[in-house]
C-alpha atoms as a PDB file:
ATOM      1  CA  UNK A   1       5.432-290.836 -52.248  1.00  0.00           C
ATOM      2  CA  UNK A   2       8.265-290.319 -49.676  1.00  0.00           C
ATOM      3  CA  UNK A   3       7.726-290.151 -46.134  1.00  0.00           C
ATOM      4  CA  UNK A   4       9.473-287.863 -43.664  1.00  0.00           C
ATOM      5  CA  UNK A   5       8.865-287.462 -39.656  1.00  0.00           C
ATOM      6  CA  UNK A   6       9.533-284.780 -37.673  1.00  0.00           C
ATOM      7  CA  UNK A   7       9.595-284.635 -33.938  1.00  0.00           C
ATOM      8  CA  UNK A   8      10.924-281.929 -31.152  1.00  0.00           C
ATOM      9  CA  UNK A   9      11.975-281.953 -27.396  1.00  0.00           C
ATOM     10  CA  UNK A  10      11.553-279.143 -25.081  1.00  0.00           C
ATOM     11  CA  UNK A  11      13.953-277.851 -22.639  1.00  0.00           C
ATOM     12  CA  UNK A  12      11.323-276.720 -20.128  1.00  0.00           C
ATOM     13  CA  UNK A  13      11.307-279.000 -16.883  1.00  0.00           C
ATOM     14  CA  UNK A  14       8.185-279.404 -14.972  1.00  0.00           C
ATOM     15  CA  UNK A  15       6.129-282.181 -13.340  1.00  0.00           C
ATOM     16  CA  UNK A  16       3.005-283.180 -15.146  1.00  0.00           C
ATOM     17  CA  UNK A  17       0.127-284.411 -13.021  1.00  0.00           C
ATOM     18  CA  UNK A  18      -2.242-287.084 -13.963  1.00  0.00           C
ATOM     19  CA  UNK A  19      -4.844-285.546 -16.294  1.00  0.00           C
ATOM     20  CA  UNK A  20      -3.200-282.297 -16.000  1.00  0.00           C
ATOM     21  CA  UNK A  21      -3.106-280.150 -19.295  1.00  0.00           C
ATOM     22  CA  UNK A  22       0.189-279.635 -20.715  1.00  0.00           C
ATOM     23  CA  UNK A  23      -0.581-276.238 -22.076  1.00  0.00           C
ATOM     24  CA  UNK A  24      -0.582-274.751 -18.501  1.00  0.00           C
ATOM     25  CA  UNK A  25       3.250-274.596 -18.914  1.00  0.00           C
ATOM     26  CA  UNK A  26       3.291-273.442 -22.214  1.00  0.00           C
ATOM     27  CA  UNK A  27       4.810-271.422 -24.023  1.00  0.00           C
ATOM     28  CA  UNK A  28       7.778-274.093 -24.607  1.00  0.00           C
ATOM     29  CA  UNK A  29      11.334-273.597 -25.682  1.00  0.00           C
ATOM     30  CA  UNK A  30      12.648-276.327 -28.213  1.00  0.00           C
ATOM     31  CA  UNK A  31      16.298-277.942 -27.116  1.00  0.00           C
ATOM     32  CA  UNK A  32      16.572-279.910 -30.402  1.00  0.00           C
ATOM     33  CA  UNK A  33      14.451-281.352 -33.215  1.00  0.00           C
ATOM     34  CA  UNK A  34      15.171-284.093 -35.741  1.00  0.00           C
ATOM     35  CA  UNK A  35      13.743-284.734 -39.301  1.00  0.00           C
ATOM     36  CA  UNK A  36      14.136-288.491 -40.594  1.00  0.00           C
ATOM     37  CA  UNK A  37      13.326-289.503 -44.355  1.00  0.00           C
ATOM     38  CA  UNK A  38      12.395-293.131 -44.073  1.00  0.00           C
ATOM     39  CA  UNK A  39      15.626-295.169 -45.495  1.00  0.00           C
ATOM     40  CA  UNK A  40      17.373-291.604 -45.858  1.00  0.00           C
ATOM     41  CA  UNK A  41      18.504-288.368 -44.511  1.00  0.00           C
ATOM     42  CA  UNK A  42      18.363-288.093 -40.636  1.00  0.00           C
ATOM     43  CA  UNK A  43      19.122-284.311 -39.479  1.00  0.00           C
ATOM     44  CA  UNK A  44      19.378-282.715 -36.320  1.00  0.00           C
ATOM     45  CA  UNK A  45      18.080-279.506 -35.622  1.00  0.00           C
ATOM     46  CA  UNK A  46      19.885-277.299 -32.717  1.00  0.00           C
ATOM     47  CA  UNK A  47      21.731-274.154 -32.140  1.00  0.00           C
ATOM     48  CA  UNK A  48      25.394-273.737 -31.056  1.00  0.00           C
ATOM     49  CA  UNK A  49      26.337-272.414 -27.613  1.00  0.00           C
ATOM     50  CA  UNK A  50      28.705-270.193 -29.303  1.00  0.00           C
ATOM     51  CA  UNK A  51      29.759-269.629 -32.715  1.00  0.00           C
ATOM     52  CA  UNK A  52      31.634-272.417 -33.988  1.00  0.00           C
ATOM     53  CA  UNK A  53      30.881-274.505 -30.877  1.00  0.00           C
ATOM     54  CA  UNK A  54      29.839-278.235 -31.014  1.00  0.00           C
ATOM     55  CA  UNK A  55      28.162-277.911 -27.824  1.00  0.00           C
ATOM     56  CA  UNK A  56      24.286-277.147 -28.103  1.00  0.00           C
ATOM     57  CA  UNK A  57      22.591-274.006 -26.611  1.00  0.00           C
ATOM     58  CA  UNK A  58      19.862-274.551 -24.232  1.00  0.00           C
ATOM     59  CA  UNK A  59      17.284-273.459 -27.253  1.00  0.00           C
ATOM     60  CA  UNK A  60      17.136-273.108 -30.572  1.00  0.00           C
ATOM     61  CA  UNK A  61      17.094-269.688 -31.764  1.00  0.00           C
ATOM     62  CA  UNK A  62      14.171-268.280 -34.075  1.00  0.00           C
ATOM     63  CA  UNK A  63      16.525-268.528 -37.000  1.00  0.00           C
ATOM     64  CA  UNK A  64      16.908-272.220 -36.496  1.00  0.00           C
ATOM     65  CA  UNK A  65      13.297-272.593 -35.981  1.00  0.00           C
ATOM     66  CA  UNK A  66      12.709-270.904 -39.154  1.00  0.00           C
ATOM     67  CA  UNK A  67      14.969-272.989 -41.206  1.00  0.00           C
ATOM     68  CA  UNK A  68      13.485-276.119 -39.772  1.00  0.00           C
ATOM     69  CA  UNK A  69       9.937-274.675 -41.021  1.00  0.00           C
ATOM     70  CA  UNK A  70      11.269-273.722 -44.573  1.00  0.00           C
ATOM     71  CA  UNK A  71      12.861-277.192 -44.877  1.00  0.00           C
ATOM     72  CA  UNK A  72       9.635-278.757 -43.868  1.00  0.00           C
ATOM     73  CA  UNK A  73       7.873-276.626 -46.314  1.00  0.00           C
ATOM     74  CA  UNK A  74      10.295-277.317 -49.049  1.00  0.00           C
ATOM     75  CA  UNK A  75      10.144-280.911 -48.680  1.00  0.00           C
ATOM     76  CA  UNK A  76       6.444-281.094 -48.607  1.00  0.00           C
ATOM     77  CA  UNK A  77       6.052-279.096 -51.752  1.00  0.00           C
ATOM     78  CA  UNK A  78       8.457-281.124 -53.408  1.00  0.00           C
ATOM     79  CA  UNK A  79       6.122-284.221 -52.578  1.00  0.00           C
ATOM     80  CA  UNK A  80       7.080-285.599 -49.428  1.00  0.00           C
ATOM     81  CA  UNK A  81       4.316-286.800 -46.885  1.00  0.00           C
ATOM     82  CA  UNK A  82       5.438-284.883 -43.635  1.00  0.00           C
ATOM     83  CA  UNK A  83       4.408-286.765 -40.598  1.00  0.00           C
ATOM     84  CA  UNK A  84       4.466-286.099 -36.801  1.00  0.00           C
ATOM     85  CA  UNK A  85       2.816-287.969 -33.962  1.00  0.00           C
ATOM     86  CA  UNK A  86       0.492-285.289 -32.579  1.00  0.00           C
ATOM     87  CA  UNK A  87       2.137-282.807 -34.694  1.00  0.00           C
ATOM     88  CA  UNK A  88      -0.858-280.701 -34.761  1.00  0.00           C
ATOM     89  CA  UNK A  89      -1.340-280.382 -31.263  1.00  0.00           C
ATOM     90  CA  UNK A  90       2.425-279.865 -30.256  1.00  0.00           C
ATOM     91  CA  UNK A  91       5.106-279.909 -32.747  1.00  0.00           C
ATOM     92  CA  UNK A  92       4.477-277.612 -35.484  1.00  0.00           C
ATOM     93  CA  UNK A  93       2.749-275.440 -33.148  1.00  0.00           C
ATOM     94  CA  UNK A  94       5.904-274.678 -31.058  1.00  0.00           C
ATOM     95  CA  UNK A  95       7.951-274.842 -33.888  1.00  0.00           C
ATOM     96  CA  UNK A  96       5.920-272.037 -35.383  1.00  0.00           C
ATOM     97  CA  UNK A  97       6.151-270.059 -31.973  1.00  0.00           C
ATOM     98  CA  UNK A  98       9.690-270.246 -31.801  1.00  0.00           C
ATOM     99  CA  UNK A  99      10.055-269.305 -35.562  1.00  0.00           C
ATOM    100  CA  UNK A 100       7.475-266.445 -34.708  1.00  0.00           C
ATOM    101  CA  UNK A 101       5.895-267.638 -38.151  1.00  0.00           C
ATOM    102  CA  UNK A 102       2.751-269.463 -37.083  1.00  0.00           C
ATOM    103  CA  UNK A 103       1.115-268.910 -40.433  1.00  0.00           C
ATOM    104  CA  UNK A 104       3.790-270.924 -42.242  1.00  0.00           C
ATOM    105  CA  UNK A 105       3.616-273.529 -39.391  1.00  0.00           C
ATOM    106  CA  UNK A 106       0.058-273.823 -39.676  1.00  0.00           C
ATOM    107  CA  UNK A 107       0.081-274.172 -43.706  1.00  0.00           C
ATOM    108  CA  UNK A 108       2.590-277.320 -42.994  1.00  0.00           C
ATOM    109  CA  UNK A 109       0.543-278.941 -40.051  1.00  0.00           C
ATOM    110  CA  UNK A 110      -2.731-278.862 -41.999  1.00  0.00           C
ATOM    111  CA  UNK A 111      -1.220-280.556 -44.979  1.00  0.00           C
ATOM    112  CA  UNK A 112       0.658-282.930 -42.846  1.00  0.00           C
ATOM    113  CA  UNK A 113      -0.097-286.349 -41.571  1.00  0.00           C
ATOM    114  CA  UNK A 114      -0.973-286.855 -37.877  1.00  0.00           C
ATOM    115  CA  UNK A 115      -2.034-290.469 -37.065  1.00  0.00           C
ATOM    116  CA  UNK A 116      -2.461-289.937 -33.504  1.00  0.00           C
ATOM    117  CA  UNK A 117      -4.802-286.974 -34.450  1.00  0.00           C
ATOM    118  CA  UNK A 118      -6.809-289.179 -36.911  1.00  0.00           C
ATOM    119  CA  UNK A 119      -6.840-291.742 -34.177  1.00  0.00           C
ATOM    120  CA  UNK A 120      -8.163-289.314 -31.673  1.00  0.00           C
ATOM    121  CA  UNK A 121     -10.844-288.122 -34.067  1.00  0.00           C
ATOM    122  CA  UNK A 122     -12.182-291.717 -34.517  1.00  0.00           C
ATOM    123  CA  UNK A 123     -11.975-292.630 -30.788  1.00  0.00           C
ATOM    124  CA  UNK A 124     -12.306-289.618 -28.955  1.00  0.00           C
ATOM    125  CA  UNK A 125      -9.208-289.839 -27.056  1.00  0.00           C
ATOM    126  CA  UNK A 126      -5.532-289.901 -27.843  1.00  0.00           C
ATOM    127  CA  UNK A 127      -3.087-292.599 -27.778  1.00  0.00           C
ATOM    128  CA  UNK A 128       0.897-292.773 -26.948  1.00  0.00           C
ATOM    129  CA  UNK A 129       3.534-293.633 -29.722  1.00  0.00           C
ATOM    130  CA  UNK A 130       5.013-296.495 -27.388  1.00  0.00           C
ATOM    131  CA  UNK A 131       1.764-297.942 -26.813  1.00  0.00           C
ATOM    132  CA  UNK A 132       0.939-298.347 -30.515  1.00  0.00           C
ATOM    133  CA  UNK A 133       4.557-299.365 -31.593  1.00  0.00           C
ATOM    134  CA  UNK A 134       4.422-302.149 -29.251  1.00  0.00           C
ATOM    135  CA  UNK A 135       0.926-303.620 -30.727  1.00  0.00           C
ATOM    136  CA  UNK A 136       1.785-303.400 -34.064  1.00  0.00           C
ATOM    137  CA  UNK A 137       4.921-305.449 -33.690  1.00  0.00           C
ATOM    138  CA  UNK A 138       7.576-303.076 -34.154  1.00  0.00           C
ATOM    139  CA  UNK A 139      10.757-304.067 -32.542  1.00  0.00           C
ATOM    140  CA  UNK A 140      12.143-300.508 -32.166  1.00  0.00           C
ATOM    141  CA  UNK A 141      11.470-298.828 -28.816  1.00  0.00           C
ATOM    142  CA  UNK A 142      11.467-295.505 -27.422  1.00  0.00           C
ATOM    143  CA  UNK A 143      14.969-294.651 -26.009  1.00  0.00           C
ATOM    144  CA  UNK A 144      13.463-292.540 -22.948  1.00  0.00           C
ATOM    145  CA  UNK A 145      10.286-291.179 -21.451  1.00  0.00           C
ATOM    146  CA  UNK A 146       9.337-287.714 -23.005  1.00  0.00           C
ATOM    147  CA  UNK A 147       9.483-286.140 -19.599  1.00  0.00           C
ATOM    148  CA  UNK A 148      13.206-286.871 -19.155  1.00  0.00           C
ATOM    149  CA  UNK A 149      14.357-285.401 -22.075  1.00  0.00           C
ATOM    150  CA  UNK A 150      14.470-281.946 -20.638  1.00  0.00           C
ATOM    151  CA  UNK A 151      16.215-282.951 -17.474  1.00  0.00           C
ATOM    152  CA  UNK A 152      18.806-284.854 -19.676  1.00  0.00           C
ATOM    153  CA  UNK A 153      19.064-282.034 -22.049  1.00  0.00           C
ATOM    154  CA  UNK A 154      20.001-279.502 -19.002  1.00  0.00           C
ATOM    155  CA  UNK A 155      22.559-281.985 -17.368  1.00  0.00           C
ATOM    156  CA  UNK A 156      24.324-281.827 -20.559  1.00  0.00           C
ATOM    157  CA  UNK A 157      23.560-285.417 -21.787  1.00  0.00           C
ATOM    158  CA  UNK A 158      22.870-283.991 -25.436  1.00  0.00           C
ATOM    159  CA  UNK A 159      23.653-287.055 -27.409  1.00  0.00           C
ATOM    160  CA  UNK A 160      21.382-289.139 -25.253  1.00  0.00           C
ATOM    161  CA  UNK A 161      18.182-286.732 -26.203  1.00  0.00           C
ATOM    162  CA  UNK A 162      19.626-286.430 -29.852  1.00  0.00           C
ATOM    163  CA  UNK A 163      19.231-290.329 -30.224  1.00  0.00           C
ATOM    164  CA  UNK A 164      15.977-290.198 -28.625  1.00  0.00           C
ATOM    165  CA  UNK A 165      14.402-287.748 -30.890  1.00  0.00           C
ATOM    166  CA  UNK A 166      15.832-289.135 -33.976  1.00  0.00           C
ATOM    167  CA  UNK A 167      14.519-292.481 -32.738  1.00  0.00           C
ATOM    168  CA  UNK A 168      11.125-291.180 -32.145  1.00  0.00           C
ATOM    169  CA  UNK A 169      11.019-290.125 -35.688  1.00  0.00           C
ATOM    170  CA  UNK A 170      12.504-293.384 -36.980  1.00  0.00           C
ATOM    171  CA  UNK A 171       9.426-295.027 -34.984  1.00  0.00           C
ATOM    172  CA  UNK A 172       6.913-292.692 -36.501  1.00  0.00           C
ATOM    173  CA  UNK A 173       7.756-293.412 -39.958  1.00  0.00           C
ATOM    174  CA  UNK A 174       7.551-297.097 -39.038  1.00  0.00           C
ATOM    175  CA  UNK A 175       4.314-297.021 -37.324  1.00  0.00           C
ATOM    176  CA  UNK A 176       2.791-294.880 -40.277  1.00  0.00           C
ATOM    177  CA  UNK A 177       3.899-297.497 -42.816  1.00  0.00           C
ATOM    178  CA  UNK A 178       2.504-300.226 -40.626  1.00  0.00           C
ATOM    179  CA  UNK A 179      -0.881-298.528 -40.230  1.00  0.00           C
ATOM    180  CA  UNK A 180      -0.787-298.185 -44.182  1.00  0.00           C
ATOM    181  CA  UNK A 181       0.086-301.665 -44.629  1.00  0.00           C
ATOM    182  CA  UNK A 182      -2.512-303.218 -42.449  1.00  0.00           C
ATOM    183  CA  UNK A 183      -5.337-300.718 -42.500  1.00  0.00           C
ATOM    184  CA  UNK A 184      -5.606-300.590 -38.902  1.00  0.00           C
ATOM    185  CA  UNK A 185      -4.342-299.019 -35.433  1.00  0.00           C
ATOM    186  CA  UNK A 186      -3.407-301.671 -32.732  1.00  0.00           C
ATOM    187  CA  UNK A 187      -2.385-300.213 -29.344  1.00  0.00           C
ATOM    188  CA  UNK A 188      -1.700-301.658 -25.834  1.00  0.00           C
ATOM    189  CA  UNK A 189      -4.373-300.305 -23.645  1.00  0.00           C
ATOM    190  CA  UNK A 190      -4.028-299.086 -20.050  1.00  0.00           C
ATOM    191  CA  UNK A 191      -5.267-302.736 -18.701  1.00  0.00           C
ATOM    192  CA  UNK A 192      -2.412-304.398 -20.907  1.00  0.00           C
ATOM    193  CA  UNK A 193      -4.746-305.978 -23.549  1.00  0.00           C
ATOM    194  CA  UNK A 194      -4.194-304.923 -27.206  1.00  0.00           C
ATOM    195  CA  UNK A 195      -6.866-303.271 -28.964  1.00  0.00           C
ATOM    196  CA  UNK A 196      -7.564-302.140 -32.576  1.00  0.00           C
ATOM    197  CA  UNK A 197      -9.445-299.958 -34.616  1.00  0.00           C
ATOM    198  CA  UNK A 198      -9.619-299.809 -38.405  1.00  0.00           C
ATOM    199  CA  UNK A 199      -7.830-297.043 -40.497  1.00  0.00           C
ATOM    200  CA  UNK A 200      -8.268-298.195 -44.001  1.00  0.00           C
ATOM    201  CA  UNK A 201      -6.665-294.693 -44.974  1.00  0.00           C
ATOM    202  CA  UNK A 202      -4.118-292.262 -43.560  1.00  0.00           C
ATOM    203  CA  UNK A 203      -5.456-288.744 -44.177  1.00  0.00           C
ATOM    204  CA  UNK A 204      -3.985-285.327 -43.956  1.00  0.00           C
ATOM    205  CA  UNK A 205      -4.939-283.200 -40.949  1.00  0.00           C
ATOM    206  CA  UNK A 206      -7.049-281.246 -43.644  1.00  0.00           C
ATOM    207  CA  UNK A 207      -8.953-284.290 -44.685  1.00  0.00           C
ATOM    208  CA  UNK A 208      -9.529-285.390 -40.848  1.00  0.00           C
ATOM    209  CA  UNK A 209     -10.954-282.087 -40.225  1.00  0.00           C
ATOM    210  CA  UNK A 210     -13.564-282.634 -42.845  1.00  0.00           C
ATOM    211  CA  UNK A 211     -14.806-285.793 -40.918  1.00  0.00           C
ATOM    212  CA  UNK A 212     -17.299-285.570 -37.959  1.00  0.00           C
ATOM    213  CA  UNK A 213     -16.224-284.779 -34.635  1.00  0.00           C
ATOM    214  CA  UNK A 214     -15.530-287.981 -32.301  1.00  0.00           C
ATOM    215  CA  UNK A 215     -18.428-289.305 -30.194  1.00  0.00           C
ATOM    216  CA  UNK A 216     -17.480-288.448 -26.578  1.00  0.00           C
ATOM    217  CA  UNK A 217     -20.922-288.856 -25.225  1.00  0.00           C
ATOM    218  CA  UNK A 218     -19.621-291.640 -22.945  1.00  0.00           C
ATOM    219  CA  UNK A 219     -16.847-289.254 -21.274  1.00  0.00           C
ATOM    220  CA  UNK A 220     -17.188-287.413 -18.130  1.00  0.00           C
ATOM    221  CA  UNK A 221     -14.481-284.749 -19.159  1.00  0.00           C
ATOM    222  CA  UNK A 222     -13.739-285.181 -23.033  1.00  0.00           C
ATOM    223  CA  UNK A 223     -10.878-283.731 -24.752  1.00  0.00           C
ATOM    224  CA  UNK A 224     -12.178-281.433 -27.443  1.00  0.00           C
ATOM    225  CA  UNK A 225     -10.847-281.566 -30.977  1.00  0.00           C
ATOM    226  CA  UNK A 226     -10.300-277.906 -30.882  1.00  0.00           C
ATOM    227  CA  UNK A 227      -7.584-278.255 -28.550  1.00  0.00           C
ATOM    228  CA  UNK A 228      -5.388-279.793 -31.190  1.00  0.00           C
ATOM    229  CA  UNK A 229      -6.595-277.584 -34.004  1.00  0.00           C
ATOM    230  CA  UNK A 230      -7.769-274.073 -32.918  1.00  0.00           C
ATOM    231  CA  UNK A 231      -4.414-272.527 -33.303  1.00  0.00           C
ATOM    232  CA  UNK A 232      -3.863-273.593 -36.847  1.00  0.00           C
ATOM    233  CA  UNK A 233      -7.571-272.952 -37.872  1.00  0.00           C
ATOM    234  CA  UNK A 234      -7.440-269.366 -36.393  1.00  0.00           C
ATOM    235  CA  UNK A 235      -3.886-268.352 -37.481  1.00  0.00           C
END
């Protein structure tokens, strides 16, 4: 079964404080998105500033977001495994919001693979793409910090952001395959040492939601699982 990863970047600029809830700054606008078939087609999704222009607009239109959703649905229905790192809690939600089609976004999200969400459901806390890639021995690295992408986009550095969003899709594909091969997730923890948890089988979001919620009894301010999935379950 072929693998396809998707990633979006937003155009909204804000300074996120440590432990601050990202949703405080919602709703978000999408500047550009990418879809990458592993060892296959790489596609950028953005709206032109003017008809016939090669210069991107600040944000993608509702029509472009709907086109992206339909593409993902078609690929999923044709047998592709659709994957996104934190796609349940972020990417699919905001594609659906911009497309004004939360129903289709939820359908895709629930049948997608989200290794970050599966990791969260095992450990009780999230983990970043770069921290996993480094520990899993993947040589490709993130091209910029996520918070810098909106600033670079608004500054007109479109190609740098496009390269970044495509790179994150490539990285997600490589991590997915590494987890599948080694049946575990390794990551570089805050203090710099490498940790690992078993992940014998990558599951769809629907399958993960059938598992018990994580044990967060040791946490002072745990992040509830509903934070990731309520939008999709209540759509």
